[in-house]
Amino acid sequence: MAFVEYVGELTESETPHGNAKRETAPYKAAEQLKTKKPRQVYKDMVLENEAAAPKHIPQLRHLKFQEEQKDKTYAGNNIADEIDNLDHMLETHEFVQKFQKSKGPTGTDPINYSVLYSENQMKDFEMFVKNTDNPRVGIDRTFNLGCFFVTSIVYKNTHVVRRETNDHPIFLGPILLHKDAGCDKYHYFLSHISARLSSTINNVDVILPPGIHIGSDDEEALTKAIDSVFPASKKSLCIKHLKDNVSEYLKNKIGVNTKDRVNIVERIFGDNGILKSKDEYQFEERCNIITTMDGSNEQFCKYFANTLKPKLTLNFKNLGNSANIWTNNNAESMHNIMKMFVGGRICLIYIICVCLRIVVSNI
């Protein structure tokens, strides 16, 4: 047995060990955004460490917006007032259907989120889902709508034809207004919708039809919530985002020249590409060709097998070789309309809710 005596004075604070390999991604991105544009920061972070980089440029735009607003405050408003407003609107405003408040991480403000829709809006959505063969809806999250994320359900209502264009109009379904993009928030939102769409007739449960097709971006928290709440639904990812991600990876991560990069992207997403295969055999055959093309190397082959192919398989399984490959363009168009009403400025939550209600009324 040995006894060791410490000689000297105990320091009051610990000093960093200095062995950290890199700064945390959000902090590092925030520092770079002070002097660089979001697109350049995204490219630099992807090249340095793709696993730690943001998934897409809008995340960096949102981070930049948050950093710029840190020193700004609501005019006469704070988090407590905001919660009180939501509580009051839940009782008095027909557009606010649910309001949930939960504790945030230690030392942070409470996290609050709301489900928004009118009863007529929900009836339209319910009629579309239950009376359409293979109904298709999109779910997408926008950035910088005031200080909030807005996740909305958007669909082309095939039961209605717009006289001016002779086309089916885009309808806005239920909306989630939130400040945190965690899986639990999406799960709460989708579970509420599932409960509203389900009903009981003569003690028999009538649930959401299994043929519903749900499309989204490749956001992990959202896709995980969709899988949990609607396990029997068909799912697909936005082709435009997948295509952009592949092009960015080939250009910035591997450094493939323009000619080879265009050729690879065309072989995957083009008219005679992987997603237009006539059957599973041809799908696999075209996947194998991709990994042997000019510009393909060991790094890209690994990326294709582990990251891209599972997503392409999901889309091919649920969409087949449909000429109308699914994108989230309808949702993004709707988000642009929302932003025109609300703008990028700091807004009271009441103003945001009223603006969104106006958007719904004018569709």
Protein backbone atom coordinates (compact mmCIF):
# COMPACT_ATOMS: atom_id res chain seq x y z
CA MET A 1 0.00 0.00 0.00
CA ALA A 2 1.25 3.48 -0.82
CA PHE A 3 0.11 6.96 0.17
CA VAL A 4 0.60 9.90 -2.15
CA GLU A 5 0.39 13.46 -0.91
CA TYR A 6 -0.40 16.29 -3.32
CA VAL A 7 1.83 19.30 -2.76
CA GLY A 8 0.76 22.71 -4.02
CA GLU A 9 -2.43 24.70 -4.49
CA LEU A 10 -5.51 23.25 -6.23
CA THR A 11 -6.45 25.25 -9.29
CA GLU A 12 -10.03 26.53 -9.32
CA SER A 13 -10.75 25.72 -12.95
CA GLU A 14 -9.79 22.99 -15.35
CA THR A 15 -7.81 23.76 -18.47
CA PRO A 16 -8.51 22.11 -21.80
CA HIS A 17 -6.33 19.09 -22.50
CA GLY A 18 -5.71 20.28 -26.04
CA ASN A 19 -6.16 16.86 -27.60
CA ALA A 20 -9.49 17.49 -29.31
CA LYS A 21 -9.30 16.58 -32.98
CA ARG A 22 -11.79 19.19 -34.11
CA GLU A 23 -14.34 21.69 -32.86
CA THR A 24 -18.00 20.73 -32.75
CA ALA A 25 -19.65 21.17 -36.15
CA PRO A 26 -22.26 23.85 -35.22
CA TYR A 27 -19.63 26.02 -33.48
CA LYS A 28 -17.16 25.60 -36.31
CA ALA A 29 -19.81 26.41 -38.91
CA ALA A 30 -20.95 29.48 -36.98
CA GLU A 31 -17.40 30.80 -36.87
CA GLN A 32 -16.90 30.29 -40.61
CA LEU A 33 -20.25 31.90 -41.45
CA LYS A 34 -18.97 35.17 -40.02
CA THR A 35 -16.68 35.58 -43.02
CA LYS A 36 -17.95 33.14 -45.68
CA LYS A 37 -21.19 32.48 -47.49
CA PRO A 38 -23.21 29.35 -46.50
CA ARG A 39 -22.47 27.60 -49.82
CA GLN A 40 -18.70 27.98 -49.39
CA VAL A 41 -18.84 26.83 -45.76
CA TYR A 42 -20.82 23.76 -46.84
CA LYS A 43 -18.25 22.84 -49.50
CA ASP A 44 -15.34 23.31 -47.10
CA MET A 45 -16.95 21.18 -44.36
CA VAL A 46 -17.90 18.39 -46.78
CA LEU A 47 -14.35 18.22 -48.06
CA GLU A 48 -12.91 18.18 -44.55
CA ASN A 49 -15.28 15.63 -42.96
CA GLU A 50 -18.53 14.67 -44.70
CA ALA A 51 -19.87 12.78 -41.66
CA ALA A 52 -19.68 15.93 -39.51
CA ALA A 53 -20.85 18.34 -42.20
CA PRO A 54 -24.42 19.68 -42.52
CA LYS A 55 -26.70 17.68 -44.83
CA HIS A 56 -27.46 20.65 -47.06
CA ILE A 57 -26.92 24.38 -47.51
CA PRO A 58 -30.30 25.56 -46.05
CA GLN A 59 -29.16 24.29 -42.63
CA LEU A 60 -26.24 26.71 -42.77
CA ARG A 61 -28.47 29.54 -43.94
CA HIS A 62 -30.70 28.88 -40.93
CA LEU A 63 -27.68 28.79 -38.58
CA LYS A 64 -26.46 32.09 -40.01
CA PHE A 65 -29.91 33.59 -39.48
CA GLN A 66 -29.97 32.36 -35.85
CA GLU A 67 -26.52 33.80 -35.16
CA GLU A 68 -27.53 37.17 -36.62
CA GLN A 69 -30.65 37.26 -34.45
CA LYS A 70 -28.96 36.37 -31.14
CA ASP A 71 -28.64 39.98 -30.06
CA LYS A 72 -32.14 40.88 -31.20
CA THR A 73 -35.25 40.50 -29.06
CA TYR A 74 -38.95 40.43 -29.68
CA ALA A 75 -40.58 43.83 -29.40
CA GLY A 76 -41.98 43.62 -25.89
CA ASN A 77 -42.02 39.85 -26.06
CA ASN A 78 -40.08 36.97 -24.48
CA ILE A 79 -40.38 33.21 -24.19
CA ALA A 80 -42.90 33.42 -21.33
CA ASP A 81 -45.10 35.81 -23.32
CA GLU A 82 -44.81 33.51 -26.32
CA ILE A 83 -46.05 30.51 -24.33
CA ASP A 84 -48.88 32.57 -22.85
CA ASN A 85 -49.89 33.65 -26.36
CA LEU A 86 -50.01 30.05 -27.57
CA ASP A 87 -52.04 29.00 -24.53
CA HIS A 88 -54.48 31.81 -25.20
CA MET A 89 -54.69 31.07 -28.93
CA LEU A 90 -55.44 27.43 -28.20
CA GLU A 91 -58.61 28.59 -26.46
CA THR A 92 -59.57 31.41 -28.80
CA HIS A 93 -58.15 30.82 -32.28
CA GLU A 94 -59.68 28.11 -34.46
CA PHE A 95 -56.42 27.61 -36.37
CA VAL A 96 -54.36 26.46 -33.35
CA GLN A 97 -55.35 22.86 -32.59
CA LYS A 98 -52.67 21.67 -30.17
CA PHE A 99 -49.93 23.26 -28.13
CA GLN A 100 -47.21 21.26 -26.40
CA LYS A 101 -44.52 22.52 -24.04
CA SER A 102 -41.59 20.46 -22.81
CA LYS A 103 -38.35 21.09 -20.94
CA GLY A 104 -35.31 21.89 -23.03
CA PRO A 105 -31.74 20.89 -22.16
CA THR A 106 -30.44 22.21 -18.85
CA GLY A 107 -29.94 25.95 -18.99
CA THR A 108 -32.08 26.50 -22.07
CA ASP A 109 -35.59 27.82 -22.65
CA PRO A 110 -38.56 25.43 -22.71
CA ILE A 111 -39.31 23.88 -26.09
CA ASN A 112 -42.79 24.61 -27.43
CA TYR A 113 -44.48 23.52 -30.61
CA SER A 114 -47.95 23.76 -32.09
CA VAL A 115 -50.13 21.91 -34.58
CA LEU A 116 -52.03 24.28 -36.86
CA TYR A 117 -54.99 23.72 -39.19
CA SER A 118 -58.62 24.69 -39.56
CA GLU A 119 -61.39 22.10 -39.41
CA ASN A 120 -62.23 22.66 -43.09
CA GLN A 121 -58.57 22.22 -43.93
CA MET A 122 -58.47 18.88 -42.09
CA LYS A 123 -61.73 17.73 -43.71
CA ASP A 124 -60.27 18.42 -47.17
CA PHE A 125 -57.15 16.48 -46.29
CA GLU A 126 -59.11 13.58 -44.80
CA MET A 127 -61.37 13.38 -47.87
CA PHE A 128 -58.36 13.37 -50.18
CA VAL A 129 -56.55 10.61 -48.26
CA LYS A 130 -59.54 8.34 -47.81
CA ASN A 131 -61.12 8.77 -51.25
CA THR A 132 -58.09 8.69 -53.52
CA ASP A 133 -56.40 5.63 -54.95
CA ASN A 134 -52.80 5.65 -53.73
CA PRO A 135 -52.90 9.21 -52.36
CA ARG A 136 -49.55 10.98 -52.47
CA VAL A 137 -48.52 13.66 -49.95
CA GLY A 138 -45.28 15.50 -49.28
CA ILE A 139 -43.84 16.56 -45.93
CA ASP A 140 -41.15 19.20 -45.76
CA ARG A 141 -39.56 21.59 -43.29
CA THR A 142 -38.84 25.19 -44.18
CA PHE A 143 -36.17 27.40 -42.65
CA ASN A 144 -36.27 30.92 -41.26
CA LEU A 145 -40.01 31.54 -41.14
CA GLY A 146 -39.55 34.21 -38.54
CA CYS A 147 -37.78 32.42 -35.68
CA PHE A 148 -39.49 29.10 -36.33
CA PHE A 149 -39.32 25.96 -38.38
CA VAL A 150 -42.55 25.22 -40.22
CA THR A 151 -43.15 21.64 -41.27
CA SER A 152 -46.13 21.27 -43.56
CA ILE A 153 -48.02 18.55 -45.38
CA VAL A 154 -48.71 19.42 -49.01
CA TYR A 155 -50.64 17.53 -51.68
CA LYS A 156 -52.15 17.94 -55.13
CA ASN A 157 -55.87 17.57 -54.67
CA THR A 158 -56.89 15.34 -57.59
CA HIS A 159 -60.58 15.84 -56.76
CA VAL A 160 -60.37 19.52 -57.74
CA VAL A 161 -59.43 21.18 -61.04
CA ARG A 162 -58.39 24.82 -61.22
CA ARG A 163 -60.29 26.54 -64.02
CA GLU A 164 -57.47 28.88 -65.04
CA THR A 165 -54.83 26.16 -65.52
CA ASN A 166 -56.96 23.03 -65.93
CA ASP A 167 -54.63 21.41 -63.39
CA HIS A 168 -55.07 20.05 -59.88
CA PRO A 169 -54.29 22.74 -57.28
CA ILE A 170 -51.77 22.34 -54.48
CA PHE A 171 -53.44 22.11 -51.07
CA LEU A 172 -51.86 22.81 -47.71
CA GLY A 173 -52.54 20.22 -45.02
CA PRO A 174 -51.75 20.35 -41.27
CA ILE A 175 -48.75 22.41 -40.15
CA LEU A 176 -46.24 21.97 -37.33
CA LEU A 177 -44.77 25.19 -35.93
CA HIS A 178 -41.63 24.39 -33.92
CA LYS A 179 -38.15 25.57 -32.90
CA ASP A 180 -36.54 22.16 -32.51
CA ALA A 181 -36.26 19.62 -35.34
CA GLY A 182 -36.01 16.49 -33.22
CA CYS A 183 -37.63 13.18 -34.14
CA ASP A 184 -39.96 13.41 -31.12
CA LYS A 185 -41.50 16.64 -32.46
CA TYR A 186 -42.22 15.08 -35.85
CA HIS A 187 -43.58 11.96 -34.12
CA TYR A 188 -45.94 14.10 -32.03
CA PHE A 189 -47.17 15.91 -35.14
CA LEU A 190 -47.68 12.79 -37.28
CA SER A 191 -49.29 10.87 -34.42
CA HIS A 192 -51.86 13.63 -34.04
CA ILE A 193 -52.63 13.49 -37.76
CA SER A 194 -52.89 9.70 -37.68
CA ALA A 195 -55.35 9.91 -34.78
CA ARG A 196 -57.47 12.50 -36.62
CA LEU A 197 -57.57 10.41 -39.79
CA SER A 198 -58.54 7.29 -37.89
CA SER A 199 -62.14 6.83 -36.84
CA THR A 200 -64.47 4.31 -35.29
CA ILE A 201 -67.66 3.10 -36.99
CA ASN A 202 -69.85 0.59 -35.15
CA ASN A 203 -66.94 -0.17 -32.79
CA VAL A 204 -64.69 -1.00 -35.75
CA ASP A 205 -61.50 1.03 -36.17
CA VAL A 206 -61.11 2.65 -39.60
CA ILE A 207 -57.46 3.59 -40.01
CA LEU A 208 -55.33 5.39 -42.54
CA PRO A 209 -55.29 3.44 -45.83
CA PRO A 210 -52.02 1.50 -46.28
CA GLY A 211 -51.70 2.69 -49.89
CA ILE A 212 -50.80 6.26 -48.90
CA HIS A 213 -47.52 7.46 -50.39
CA ILE A 214 -45.45 9.83 -48.22
CA GLY A 215 -42.53 11.72 -49.74
CA SER A 216 -39.93 13.77 -47.92
CA ASP A 217 -36.38 15.05 -48.07
CA ASP A 218 -33.62 12.85 -46.71
CA GLU A 219 -33.91 14.26 -43.18
CA GLU A 220 -33.16 11.46 -40.73
CA ALA A 221 -35.36 12.68 -37.87
CA LEU A 222 -38.36 13.13 -40.17
CA THR A 223 -38.00 9.83 -42.05
CA LYS A 224 -37.60 7.99 -38.75
CA ALA A 225 -40.85 9.52 -37.44
CA ILE A 226 -42.70 8.63 -40.67
CA ASP A 227 -41.52 5.01 -40.41
CA SER A 228 -42.70 4.83 -36.80
CA VAL A 229 -46.14 6.43 -37.19
CA PHE A 230 -47.01 5.15 -40.69
CA PRO A 231 -45.13 1.84 -41.03
CA ALA A 232 -47.47 0.48 -43.74
CA SER A 233 -47.22 3.54 -46.00
CA LYS A 234 -45.14 3.74 -49.16
CA LYS A 235 -42.22 6.12 -48.79
CA SER A 236 -39.92 7.93 -51.19
CA LEU A 237 -37.22 10.59 -51.08
CA CYS A 238 -37.02 13.74 -53.19
CA ILE A 239 -35.11 12.89 -56.37
CA LYS A 240 -33.89 16.46 -56.81
CA HIS A 241 -32.18 16.45 -53.41
CA LEU A 242 -30.64 13.02 -54.00
CA LYS A 243 -29.34 14.19 -57.36
CA ASP A 244 -27.88 17.39 -55.92
CA ASN A 245 -26.21 15.43 -53.11
CA VAL A 246 -24.56 13.01 -55.55
CA SER A 247 -23.31 15.85 -57.75
CA GLU A 248 -21.90 17.73 -54.74
CA TYR A 249 -20.20 14.57 -53.45
CA LEU A 250 -18.55 13.80 -56.79
CA LYS A 251 -17.42 17.39 -57.24
CA ASN A 252 -16.32 18.40 -53.74
CA LYS A 253 -15.50 15.17 -51.95
CA ILE A 254 -13.80 13.20 -54.73
CA GLY A 255 -12.97 15.88 -57.29
CA VAL A 256 -14.45 14.16 -60.34
CA ASN A 257 -14.17 16.22 -63.51
CA THR A 258 -17.29 17.77 -65.05
CA LYS A 259 -17.62 15.33 -67.96
CA ASP A 260 -17.42 12.18 -65.80
CA ARG A 261 -19.62 13.74 -63.10
CA VAL A 262 -22.40 14.57 -65.57
CA ASN A 263 -22.14 11.08 -67.05
CA ILE A 264 -22.48 9.35 -63.66
CA VAL A 265 -25.44 11.53 -62.59
CA GLU A 266 -27.17 10.88 -65.93
CA ARG A 267 -26.65 7.11 -65.57
CA ILE A 268 -28.41 7.26 -62.19
CA PHE A 269 -31.16 9.84 -62.67
CA GLY A 270 -31.47 10.25 -66.46
CA ASP A 271 -34.09 8.92 -68.87
CA ASN A 272 -32.16 5.65 -69.23
CA GLY A 273 -30.80 5.68 -65.69
CA ILE A 274 -31.09 3.35 -62.75
CA LEU A 275 -34.44 4.72 -61.61
CA LYS A 276 -35.99 4.10 -65.04
CA SER A 277 -35.14 0.37 -64.99
CA LYS A 278 -37.98 -1.85 -66.19
CA ASP A 279 -37.49 -4.48 -63.45
CA GLU A 280 -35.33 -5.41 -60.46
CA TYR A 281 -32.85 -7.36 -62.62
CA GLN A 282 -32.14 -4.33 -64.80
CA PHE A 283 -31.99 -2.13 -61.69
CA GLU A 284 -29.21 -4.29 -60.21
CA GLU A 285 -27.43 -4.53 -63.55
CA ARG A 286 -27.33 -0.73 -63.95
CA CYS A 287 -26.18 -0.32 -60.34
CA ASN A 288 -23.22 -2.59 -61.07
CA ILE A 289 -22.31 -0.58 -64.18
CA ILE A 290 -22.12 2.65 -62.17
CA THR A 291 -19.26 1.38 -60.02
CA THR A 292 -17.11 0.57 -63.08
CA MET A 293 -17.54 3.87 -64.97
CA ASP A 294 -14.88 6.54 -65.48
CA GLY A 295 -14.80 8.75 -62.41
CA SER A 296 -15.84 5.94 -60.08
CA ASN A 297 -13.22 4.96 -57.53
CA GLU A 298 -13.11 3.02 -54.29
CA GLN A 299 -14.42 5.99 -52.32
CA PHE A 300 -17.41 6.54 -54.60
CA CYS A 301 -18.18 2.80 -54.78
CA LYS A 302 -18.36 2.70 -50.99
CA TYR A 303 -20.58 5.80 -50.94
CA PHE A 304 -22.82 4.34 -53.63
CA ALA A 305 -23.21 0.95 -51.90
CA ASN A 306 -23.69 2.20 -48.34
CA THR A 307 -25.46 5.54 -48.78
CA LEU A 308 -27.01 6.05 -52.19
CA LYS A 309 -28.15 2.60 -53.36
CA PRO A 310 -30.45 1.95 -50.34
CA LYS A 311 -32.22 5.25 -51.08
CA LEU A 312 -32.51 4.49 -54.79
CA THR A 313 -33.87 1.04 -53.93
CA LEU A 314 -36.52 2.60 -51.68
CA ASN A 315 -37.68 4.91 -54.46
CA PHE A 316 -37.61 2.23 -57.15
CA LYS A 317 -39.60 -0.14 -54.94
CA ASN A 318 -42.32 2.42 -54.25
CA LEU A 319 -42.29 4.44 -57.50
CA GLY A 320 -41.19 1.89 -60.08
CA ASN A 321 -39.94 3.43 -63.32
CA SER A 322 -42.62 6.12 -63.23
CA ALA A 323 -42.00 8.99 -65.61
CA ASN A 324 -43.27 11.29 -62.87
CA ILE A 325 -40.39 10.76 -60.43
CA TRP A 326 -41.33 12.39 -57.13
CA THR A 327 -39.85 15.66 -55.91
CA ASN A 328 -40.69 17.97 -53.04
CA ASN A 329 -41.26 20.94 -55.38
CA ASN A 330 -44.90 21.38 -54.31
CA ALA A 331 -43.93 21.76 -50.66
CA GLU A 332 -41.11 24.16 -51.46
CA SER A 333 -43.45 26.29 -53.60
CA MET A 334 -45.87 26.45 -50.68
CA HIS A 335 -43.05 27.47 -48.34
CA ASN A 336 -42.13 30.34 -50.63
CA ILE A 337 -45.71 31.59 -50.38
CA MET A 338 -45.53 31.38 -46.57
CA LYS A 339 -42.29 33.36 -46.54
CA MET A 340 -43.85 36.10 -48.66
CA PHE A 341 -46.53 36.57 -46.01
CA VAL A 342 -44.29 36.29 -42.94
CA GLY A 343 -40.93 37.44 -44.27
CA GLY A 344 -37.55 36.67 -42.69
CA ARG A 345 -38.00 39.16 -39.85
CA ILE A 346 -38.54 38.40 -36.18
CA CYS A 347 -42.28 38.01 -35.63
CA LEU A 348 -44.55 37.40 -32.71
CA ILE A 349 -45.96 33.91 -32.82
CA TYR A 350 -49.47 35.35 -33.05
CA ILE A 351 -48.53 37.18 -36.28
CA ILE A 352 -47.03 34.01 -37.77
CA CYS A 353 -50.17 32.00 -37.00
CA VAL A 354 -52.41 34.66 -38.51
CA CYS A 355 -50.24 34.86 -41.64
CA LEU A 356 -50.34 31.09 -42.08
CA ARG A 357 -54.11 31.14 -41.63
CA ILE A 358 -54.35 33.72 -44.43
CA VAL A 359 -52.25 31.48 -46.69
CA VAL A 360 -54.64 28.58 -46.06
CA SER A 361 -57.67 30.76 -46.73
CA ASN A 362 -56.30 31.95 -50.07
CA ILE A 363 -55.36 28.60 -51.56
